[in-house]
Amino acid sequence: MLTRKNFVRSLAIFVPVAMLALPASGDKLRLVDPGEPVPAYHMPGIDGAVIDSKAIKDKVVVLVCLSAEQRRSELAAVESFSACKQFDEDQVKLIHITADVIQKGYFEAFRTDHSISAPLAFDVDRVFFGQLGMIVLPTTIVIDADGHLAHVISLHRGSYEHTLDAYIRHTMGQLTDEELEERLKAGASTNGSPKSLASGHRARARSMRGKGHADTARAELLLARELEPDNNETILDLADLEIELGNLDSADELVGIVLKGQPNHRRAQQVKGIACFHRGEFHEAERFLKEALKLNPDPERIHYYLGQICERNGETELALEYYRQALRRMLHEPG
């Protein structure tokens, strides 16, 4: 039977990681679930040696999938090497993997500068990345001694090294499930203020949304809101994203929270107007957007939606003027 997972598994071999359109959720892989066998790999290493999963026996394996010239990947490379140095190599094997084969020179220089001696494998044609079903880099996976997926860390956060250490110890049997949970909570509570952690989640959400990964962005914003429940900008980021996802009731509820406390909040007026537009409530949309335009939070976007409304009303010349205003502001041209 051709299940959804099998279909995506077949498709992913031929589609680059950045182009996969199915949503990811949290720290997971698309095609391999915890407890399932990790696909075998046989890849050339940066030093000319072949890195073969079949040659690694009875060890916890940490695979860190990296992108060249990306700050988060550089941090994951350095911190994973630091974390794994705490363990005997007979127990834990660290392997870095990249699909950026043409960036060999960059990786050689970076590894030398940071004294990283862990093997680096080249995933030619992204075959292994496709078999895993990855969407973000860096991604770190911890594999148990039987070759099954134990844990996944998507991207890089401030608690990365602490989290990786806890996941390795849990996979080795040194931590129970309850101890792992407590270890992770302790790491989160000591790693920066809630405000700074929330800010990091918002930044990752913007990055993921910019790449078209709306569901991953939503997960990051929900984490940010847990840390700062009353942050209006986070609430409006989430409302704006809910509009993109078609969840208009949720968007209205979120915007309502902000407008209840601050009826003249400039960005909330804008997001409310866009939500009304997508509901087909064009009169209300125009009212909110024109109010937001006076306060000028994001003028090119407001001009665009006002142009859309005028076009639907048959006011072609006025619509064109709004579109011209939107384009002029986007290009930062003088009036």
Protein backbone atom coordinates (compact mmCIF):
# COMPACT_ATOMS: atom_id res chain seq x y z
CA MET A 1 0.00 0.00 0.00
CA LEU A 2 1.31 3.45 -0.90
CA THR A 3 1.08 5.31 2.39
CA ARG A 4 1.72 9.01 2.77
CA LYS A 5 5.06 8.34 4.43
CA ASN A 6 6.18 5.96 1.68
CA PHE A 7 5.14 8.46 -0.97
CA VAL A 8 7.10 11.26 0.69
CA ARG A 9 10.05 8.90 1.23
CA SER A 10 10.17 8.19 -2.49
CA LEU A 11 9.75 11.84 -3.41
CA ALA A 12 12.31 13.14 -0.93
CA ILE A 13 15.16 11.29 -2.63
CA PHE A 14 14.71 13.48 -5.69
CA VAL A 15 13.80 16.80 -4.05
CA PRO A 16 16.35 18.97 -2.20
CA VAL A 17 15.76 19.40 1.51
CA ALA A 18 14.96 23.10 1.22
CA MET A 19 12.21 22.39 -1.34
CA LEU A 20 10.21 19.82 0.62
CA ALA A 21 6.82 21.37 1.18
CA LEU A 22 5.24 19.13 3.79
CA PRO A 23 5.18 20.69 7.26
CA ALA A 24 7.49 19.66 10.04
CA SER A 25 6.39 19.75 13.66
CA GLY A 26 8.71 20.36 16.55
CA ASP A 27 11.94 18.37 16.88
CA LYS A 28 11.05 15.51 14.58
CA LEU A 29 12.01 14.02 11.26
CA ARG A 30 9.42 13.62 8.55
CA LEU A 31 10.24 10.07 7.53
CA VAL A 32 11.76 8.43 10.61
CA ASP A 33 9.93 8.35 13.94
CA PRO A 34 11.51 7.68 17.34
CA GLY A 35 12.07 3.95 17.79
CA GLU A 36 12.33 3.29 14.04
CA PRO A 37 15.57 2.18 12.34
CA VAL A 38 17.66 5.00 10.89
CA PRO A 39 18.50 4.39 7.20
CA ALA A 40 21.97 3.00 6.54
CA TYR A 41 24.56 5.39 5.14
CA HIS A 42 27.77 4.94 3.16
CA MET A 43 29.43 8.28 2.41
CA PRO A 44 32.84 9.68 1.53
CA GLY A 45 34.56 11.61 4.31
CA ILE A 46 36.45 14.86 4.09
CA ASP A 47 39.71 13.00 4.70
CA GLY A 48 39.05 10.47 1.93
CA ALA A 49 37.90 7.68 4.24
CA VAL A 50 34.49 6.07 3.78
CA ILE A 51 32.01 6.50 6.61
CA ASP A 52 29.78 3.43 6.77
CA SER A 53 27.04 2.90 9.33
CA LYS A 54 27.48 -0.86 9.13
CA ALA A 55 30.96 -0.50 10.57
CA ILE A 56 29.66 1.17 13.74
CA LYS A 57 28.60 -1.45 16.24
CA ASP A 58 27.04 -1.22 19.71
CA LYS A 59 27.48 2.53 20.11
CA VAL A 60 25.26 5.53 20.53
CA VAL A 61 25.71 7.55 17.35
CA VAL A 62 25.24 11.30 17.10
CA LEU A 63 24.73 12.63 13.57
CA VAL A 64 24.87 16.39 13.15
CA CYS A 65 23.61 17.50 9.74
CA LEU A 66 25.13 20.85 8.80
CA SER A 67 24.97 23.62 6.23
CA ALA A 68 28.03 25.56 5.06
CA GLU A 69 28.51 29.17 6.12
CA GLN A 70 25.51 29.13 8.45
CA ARG A 71 25.99 30.42 11.99
CA ARG A 72 23.61 27.94 13.62
CA SER A 73 25.41 25.05 11.93
CA GLU A 74 28.78 26.38 13.06
CA LEU A 75 27.54 26.53 16.66
CA ALA A 76 26.09 23.01 16.43
CA ALA A 77 29.38 21.68 15.01
CA VAL A 78 31.44 23.20 17.82
CA GLU A 79 29.06 22.38 20.66
CA SER A 80 28.33 18.81 19.52
CA PHE A 81 32.07 18.13 19.45
CA SER A 82 32.39 19.61 22.95
CA ALA A 83 29.44 17.57 24.27
CA CYS A 84 30.65 14.28 22.82
CA LYS A 85 34.19 14.73 24.16
CA GLN A 86 32.73 13.96 27.59
CA PHE A 87 32.10 10.36 26.52
CA ASP A 88 34.37 7.48 25.64
CA GLU A 89 34.46 6.98 21.85
CA ASP A 90 33.80 3.28 22.43
CA GLN A 91 30.38 4.33 23.71
CA VAL A 92 29.48 7.41 21.66
CA LYS A 93 30.37 8.13 18.04
CA LEU A 94 29.97 11.66 16.64
CA ILE A 95 29.67 12.21 12.89
CA HIS A 96 29.10 15.50 11.11
CA ILE A 97 27.32 15.35 7.74
CA THR A 98 26.84 17.96 5.03
CA ALA A 99 25.39 18.00 1.54
CA ASP A 100 27.49 21.03 0.64
CA VAL A 101 30.17 19.04 -1.16
CA ILE A 102 31.52 22.04 -3.06
CA GLN A 103 32.25 23.78 0.24
CA LYS A 104 35.03 21.38 1.22
CA GLY A 105 37.52 24.25 1.60
CA TYR A 106 35.22 26.11 3.98
CA PHE A 107 34.76 23.03 6.17
CA GLU A 108 38.48 22.27 6.23
CA ALA A 109 39.29 25.80 7.41
CA PHE A 110 36.47 25.90 9.94
CA ARG A 111 37.35 22.52 11.44
CA THR A 112 41.01 23.51 11.71
CA ASP A 113 40.17 26.83 13.37
CA HIS A 114 38.01 25.06 15.97
CA SER A 115 40.15 21.91 16.38
CA ILE A 116 37.25 19.63 15.41
CA SER A 117 38.41 16.08 14.70
CA ALA A 118 35.03 14.34 14.37
CA PRO A 119 34.48 12.69 10.97
CA LEU A 120 32.73 14.83 8.36
CA ALA A 121 30.76 12.94 5.71
CA PHE A 122 29.50 14.30 2.39
CA ASP A 123 25.91 13.39 1.59
CA VAL A 124 26.24 13.52 -2.18
CA ASP A 125 22.95 14.39 -3.93
CA ARG A 126 21.26 14.69 -0.49
CA VAL A 127 20.24 11.05 -0.56
CA PHE A 128 20.57 10.49 3.20
CA PHE A 129 18.95 13.82 4.06
CA GLY A 130 16.04 12.84 1.83
CA GLN A 131 15.69 9.44 3.48
CA LEU A 132 15.46 11.13 6.87
CA GLY A 133 12.97 13.70 5.64
CA MET A 134 14.76 16.74 7.00
CA ILE A 135 13.64 20.29 6.43
CA VAL A 136 15.88 22.45 8.62
CA LEU A 137 19.61 22.65 9.19
CA PRO A 138 21.28 22.06 11.47
CA THR A 139 19.48 18.91 12.60
CA THR A 140 21.02 16.62 15.21
CA ILE A 141 19.86 13.03 15.68
CA VAL A 142 20.81 10.60 18.41
CA ILE A 143 20.73 6.91 17.46
CA ASP A 144 20.74 4.10 20.00
CA ALA A 145 23.12 1.15 19.95
CA ASP A 146 20.61 -0.90 17.95
CA GLY A 147 20.41 1.68 15.17
CA HIS A 148 17.03 3.16 16.11
CA LEU A 149 16.20 6.85 16.32
CA ALA A 150 16.19 8.06 19.93
CA HIS A 151 16.12 11.87 19.84
CA VAL A 152 16.11 14.82 17.42
CA ILE A 153 17.25 18.42 17.90
CA SER A 154 16.08 20.81 15.18
CA LEU A 155 18.12 23.98 14.57
CA HIS A 156 20.36 25.36 17.32
CA ARG A 157 19.16 26.95 20.53
CA GLY A 158 21.00 28.34 23.49
CA SER A 159 20.45 25.10 25.41
CA TYR A 160 21.81 22.93 22.56
CA GLU A 161 24.87 21.46 24.27
CA HIS A 162 23.00 20.80 27.53
CA THR A 163 20.12 19.16 25.63
CA LEU A 164 22.45 16.99 23.54
CA ASP A 165 24.31 15.81 26.65
CA ALA A 166 21.00 14.86 28.30
CA TYR A 167 19.77 13.03 25.18
CA ILE A 168 22.99 11.04 24.91
CA ARG A 169 22.87 10.02 28.58
CA HIS A 170 19.21 9.06 28.25
CA THR A 171 19.96 6.95 25.16
CA MET A 172 22.83 5.25 27.00
CA GLY A 173 20.51 4.43 29.90
CA GLN A 174 22.17 6.79 32.34
CA LEU A 175 18.99 8.87 32.73
CA THR A 176 15.43 7.67 33.17
CA ASP A 177 12.57 9.38 31.33
CA GLU A 178 11.75 11.37 34.47
CA GLU A 179 15.38 12.37 35.01
CA LEU A 180 15.65 13.44 31.38
CA GLU A 181 12.61 15.67 31.75
CA GLU A 182 14.04 17.27 34.88
CA ARG A 183 17.43 17.74 33.21
CA LEU A 184 15.85 19.49 30.24
CA LYS A 185 13.73 21.73 32.45
CA ALA A 186 16.78 22.69 34.49
CA GLY A 187 18.67 23.55 31.32
CA ALA A 188 15.87 25.74 30.04
CA SER A 189 15.52 27.60 33.33
CA THR A 190 19.22 28.43 33.59
CA ASN A 191 19.81 29.33 29.97
CA GLY A 192 18.83 32.97 29.69
CA SER A 193 15.80 34.96 30.70
CA PRO A 194 12.32 34.11 29.40
CA LYS A 195 12.45 37.32 27.38
CA SER A 196 15.69 36.40 25.61
CA LEU A 197 14.53 32.83 24.99
CA ALA A 198 11.23 34.07 23.60
CA SER A 199 13.10 36.47 21.35
CA GLY A 200 15.11 33.55 19.99
CA HIS A 201 11.95 31.60 19.20
CA ARG A 202 10.48 34.63 17.41
CA ALA A 203 13.64 35.00 15.34
CA ARG A 204 13.56 31.33 14.34
CA ALA A 205 9.87 31.70 13.48
CA ARG A 206 10.67 34.58 11.13
CA SER A 207 13.41 32.54 9.50
CA MET A 208 11.18 29.49 9.06
CA ARG A 209 8.29 31.55 7.70
CA GLY A 210 10.62 33.24 5.25
CA LYS A 211 11.56 29.81 3.95
CA GLY A 212 7.92 28.81 3.57
CA HIS A 213 7.80 26.50 6.61
CA ALA A 214 4.73 28.00 8.27
CA ASP A 215 3.94 25.09 10.61
CA THR A 216 7.47 25.09 12.03
CA ALA A 217 7.24 28.87 12.46
CA ARG A 218 3.95 28.43 14.31
CA ALA A 219 5.53 25.92 16.71
CA GLU A 220 8.32 28.41 17.49
CA LEU A 221 5.82 31.22 18.13
CA LEU A 222 3.81 29.02 20.49
CA LEU A 223 6.99 28.37 22.46
CA ALA A 224 7.71 32.10 22.53
CA ARG A 225 4.22 32.81 23.82
CA GLU A 226 4.58 30.23 26.59
CA LEU A 227 7.65 32.14 27.77
CA GLU A 228 6.07 35.60 27.39
CA PRO A 229 2.27 35.21 27.38
CA ASP A 230 1.59 38.97 27.36
CA ASN A 231 4.00 39.99 24.60
CA ASN A 232 1.76 41.71 22.04
CA GLU A 233 4.27 41.40 19.21
CA THR A 234 4.46 37.64 19.65
CA ILE A 235 0.66 37.43 19.76
CA LEU A 236 0.40 39.46 16.54
CA ASP A 237 3.15 37.44 14.84
CA LEU A 238 1.06 34.37 15.62
CA ALA A 239 -2.18 36.03 14.46
CA ASP A 240 -0.58 37.07 11.18
CA LEU A 241 0.69 33.53 10.65
CA GLU A 242 -2.73 32.05 11.44
CA ILE A 243 -4.15 34.19 8.62
CA GLU A 244 -1.59 32.71 6.25
CA LEU A 245 -2.58 29.22 7.40
CA GLY A 246 -6.28 30.00 6.92
CA ASN A 247 -7.11 29.86 10.64
CA LEU A 248 -9.12 33.09 10.68
CA ASP A 249 -11.04 32.38 13.89
CA SER A 250 -7.78 31.86 15.75
CA ALA A 251 -6.34 35.02 14.21
CA ASP A 252 -9.37 37.05 15.30
CA GLU A 253 -9.14 35.69 18.83
CA LEU A 254 -5.46 36.62 19.08
CA VAL A 255 -5.92 40.11 17.64
CA GLY A 256 -8.85 40.61 19.99
CA ILE A 257 -6.57 40.05 22.98
CA VAL A 258 -4.34 42.93 21.90
CA LEU A 259 -7.16 45.29 20.88
CA LYS A 260 -8.99 44.71 24.16
CA GLY A 261 -6.04 46.10 26.07
CA GLN A 262 -4.95 48.64 23.45
CA PRO A 263 -7.83 49.55 21.08
CA ASN A 264 -5.57 51.83 19.01
CA HIS A 265 -2.62 49.43 18.74
CA ARG A 266 -1.30 50.21 15.27
CA ARG A 267 -0.17 46.76 14.22
CA ALA A 268 -3.24 45.07 15.70
CA GLN A 269 -5.45 47.36 13.57
CA GLN A 270 -3.51 46.25 10.50
CA VAL A 271 -3.69 42.51 11.23
CA LYS A 272 -7.40 42.83 12.03
CA GLY A 273 -7.98 44.55 8.70
CA ILE A 274 -6.12 41.81 6.80
CA ALA A 275 -8.14 39.14 8.63
CA CYS A 276 -11.38 40.92 7.64
CA PHE A 277 -10.19 41.07 4.04
CA HIS A 278 -9.64 37.32 3.95
CA ARG A 279 -13.13 36.81 5.37
CA GLY A 280 -14.56 38.87 2.54
CA GLU A 281 -15.61 41.62 4.95
CA PHE A 282 -14.24 44.35 2.74
CA HIS A 283 -15.99 47.32 4.37
CA GLU A 284 -14.63 46.39 7.80
CA ALA A 285 -11.23 45.60 6.30
CA GLU A 286 -11.07 49.05 4.71
CA ARG A 287 -12.03 50.72 7.98
CA PHE A 288 -9.33 48.97 10.01
CA LEU A 289 -6.66 49.35 7.33
CA LYS A 290 -7.26 53.07 6.87
CA GLU A 291 -7.04 53.54 10.63
CA ALA A 292 -3.78 51.57 10.66
CA LEU A 293 -2.49 53.62 7.72
CA LYS A 294 -2.73 56.80 9.80
CA LEU A 295 -0.42 55.19 12.31
CA ASN A 296 1.88 53.88 9.56
CA PRO A 297 3.09 50.50 10.98
CA ASP A 298 3.68 48.70 7.67
CA PRO A 299 2.46 51.07 4.93
CA GLU A 300 3.36 49.09 1.82
CA ARG A 301 1.33 46.12 3.01
CA ILE A 302 -1.64 48.28 3.93
CA HIS A 303 -1.55 50.02 0.55
CA TYR A 304 -1.51 46.64 -1.16
CA TYR A 305 -4.63 45.41 0.65
CA LEU A 306 -6.45 48.71 0.13
CA GLY A 307 -5.65 48.36 -3.55
CA GLN A 308 -7.18 44.88 -3.49
CA ILE A 309 -10.36 46.22 -1.92
CA CYS A 310 -10.64 49.06 -4.45
CA GLU A 311 -10.09 46.65 -7.31
CA ARG A 312 -12.94 44.47 -6.06
CA ASN A 313 -15.14 47.59 -5.82
CA GLY A 314 -14.38 48.50 -9.43
CA GLU A 315 -12.34 51.57 -8.41
CA THR A 316 -9.51 50.81 -10.82
CA GLU A 317 -7.70 54.14 -10.74
CA LEU A 318 -7.71 54.29 -6.94
CA ALA A 319 -6.54 50.67 -6.79
CA LEU A 320 -3.63 51.48 -9.09
CA GLU A 321 -2.69 54.44 -6.94
CA TYR A 322 -2.60 52.24 -3.83
CA TYR A 323 -0.48 49.67 -5.69
CA ARG A 324 1.89 52.42 -6.83
CA GLN A 325 2.21 53.61 -3.24
CA ALA A 326 2.94 50.06 -2.07
CA LEU A 327 5.61 49.59 -4.75
CA ARG A 328 7.17 52.98 -4.10
CA ARG A 329 7.52 52.25 -0.40
CA MET A 330 8.87 48.76 -1.00
CA LEU A 331 11.55 50.21 -3.28
CA HIS A 332 12.17 53.15 -0.91
CA GLU A 333 11.65 55.60 -3.76
CA PRO A 334 10.89 59.27 -3.01
CA GLY A 335 7.28 60.38 -3.21
